[in-house]
Amino acid sequence: MSHPNGYTKEDIKRILGSSWPTMPEGHETGNQLRRRKGQEMRAGLRPYPTYPAKKVGPNFDENGKYIYPEGSGFNYMDKLNPDSEWSGKVS
């Protein structure tokens, strides 16, 4: 079988020599692995991964919401220049 560049698969193997990869018989690519695991989960053969629903730690409140440090952030309306031609209310 010829390639568009004129080399056959055997020519490429001969040129590459020992750098031609040899895969084991039952080799599974990453995409095949993810697909197989997803199919097993949907079929009920493998459990779905579980993650904590609520964030925990010193920066989160009891509802899992992030607590911003005092003085962080800004109010957008405070940053507007009242003398700008683009300032003004949108009706």
Protein backbone atom coordinates (compact mmCIF):
# COMPACT_ATOMS: atom_id res chain seq x y z
CA MET A 1 0.00 0.00 0.00
CA SER A 2 1.51 3.30 -1.09
CA HIS A 3 1.30 6.55 0.83
CA PRO A 4 0.84 10.00 -0.72
CA ASN A 5 4.51 10.73 -0.02
CA GLY A 6 5.57 7.63 -2.00
CA TYR A 7 6.65 5.47 0.96
CA THR A 8 5.05 2.16 1.86
CA LYS A 9 4.59 0.96 5.43
CA GLU A 10 7.56 -1.37 5.02
CA ASP A 11 9.74 1.52 3.76
CA ILE A 12 8.84 3.57 6.81
CA LYS A 13 9.66 0.63 9.12
CA ARG A 14 13.02 0.20 7.38
CA ILE A 15 13.84 3.93 7.66
CA LEU A 16 12.81 4.18 11.32
CA GLY A 17 14.53 0.95 12.31
CA SER A 18 14.37 0.30 16.04
CA SER A 19 12.25 3.39 16.72
CA TRP A 20 9.22 1.75 15.09
CA PRO A 21 6.85 1.12 18.03
CA THR A 22 5.78 -2.42 18.77
CA MET A 23 2.60 -2.62 20.78
CA PRO A 24 1.62 -5.58 22.95
CA GLU A 25 -1.18 -7.79 21.68
CA GLY A 26 -3.91 -6.48 23.99
CA HIS A 27 -2.80 -2.82 23.94
CA GLU A 28 -5.56 -0.32 24.65
CA THR A 29 -5.23 3.37 23.79
CA GLY A 30 -6.37 6.06 26.22
CA ASN A 31 -9.46 6.78 24.16
CA GLN A 32 -10.40 3.09 24.05
CA LEU A 33 -9.89 2.88 27.83
CA ARG A 34 -12.16 5.88 28.53
CA ARG A 35 -14.78 4.55 26.14
CA ARG A 36 -14.73 1.08 27.69
CA LYS A 37 -15.00 2.45 31.23
CA GLY A 38 -17.91 4.70 30.21
CA GLN A 39 -19.74 1.80 28.60
CA GLU A 40 -19.17 -0.33 31.72
CA MET A 41 -20.56 2.45 33.94
CA ARG A 42 -23.66 2.84 31.77
CA ALA A 43 -24.17 -0.94 31.77
CA GLY A 44 -23.93 -1.02 35.57
CA LEU A 45 -20.75 -3.09 35.69
CA ARG A 46 -18.64 -0.28 37.18
CA PRO A 47 -19.74 2.34 39.73
CA TYR A 48 -19.77 6.01 38.79
CA PRO A 49 -17.12 8.09 40.60
CA THR A 50 -18.40 10.10 43.54
CA TYR A 51 -17.20 13.56 44.44
CA PRO A 52 -18.00 15.65 47.51
CA ALA A 53 -20.89 17.93 46.62
CA LYS A 54 -19.83 20.59 49.05
CA LYS A 55 -16.49 22.37 49.20
CA VAL A 56 -14.88 22.18 52.60
CA GLY A 57 -12.10 24.13 54.22
CA PRO A 58 -11.41 27.46 55.87
CA ASN A 59 -12.46 29.52 52.83
CA PHE A 60 -15.94 27.98 52.51
CA ASP A 61 -19.08 28.50 54.59
CA GLU A 62 -21.49 25.79 55.80
CA ASN A 63 -23.30 25.84 52.42
CA GLY A 64 -20.13 25.23 50.42
CA LYS A 65 -19.96 28.80 49.07
CA TYR A 66 -16.58 30.52 48.84
CA ILE A 67 -15.95 33.27 51.40
CA TYR A 68 -14.10 36.14 49.74
CA PRO A 69 -11.47 37.96 51.83
CA GLU A 70 -12.36 41.37 53.24
CA GLY A 71 -11.68 44.16 50.76
CA SER A 72 -11.31 41.88 47.73
CA GLY A 73 -13.11 42.65 44.51
CA PHE A 74 -14.66 45.94 43.48
CA ASN A 75 -17.98 47.48 42.60
CA TYR A 76 -18.20 48.12 38.87
CA MET A 77 -20.35 51.22 39.35
CA ASP A 78 -17.62 52.76 41.53
CA LYS A 79 -15.09 52.39 38.71
CA LEU A 80 -17.18 54.23 36.10
CA ASN A 81 -16.04 57.70 35.19
CA PRO A 82 -19.07 60.02 35.52
CA ASP A 83 -17.47 62.52 33.08
CA SER A 84 -17.11 59.96 30.29
CA GLU A 85 -19.30 60.23 27.20
CA TRP A 86 -20.12 56.54 27.66
CA SER A 87 -21.40 56.96 31.21
CA GLY A 88 -25.07 57.09 31.91
CA LYS A 89 -27.95 54.84 32.62
CA VAL A 90 -29.38 52.41 30.15
CA SER A 91 -33.13 52.87 29.99
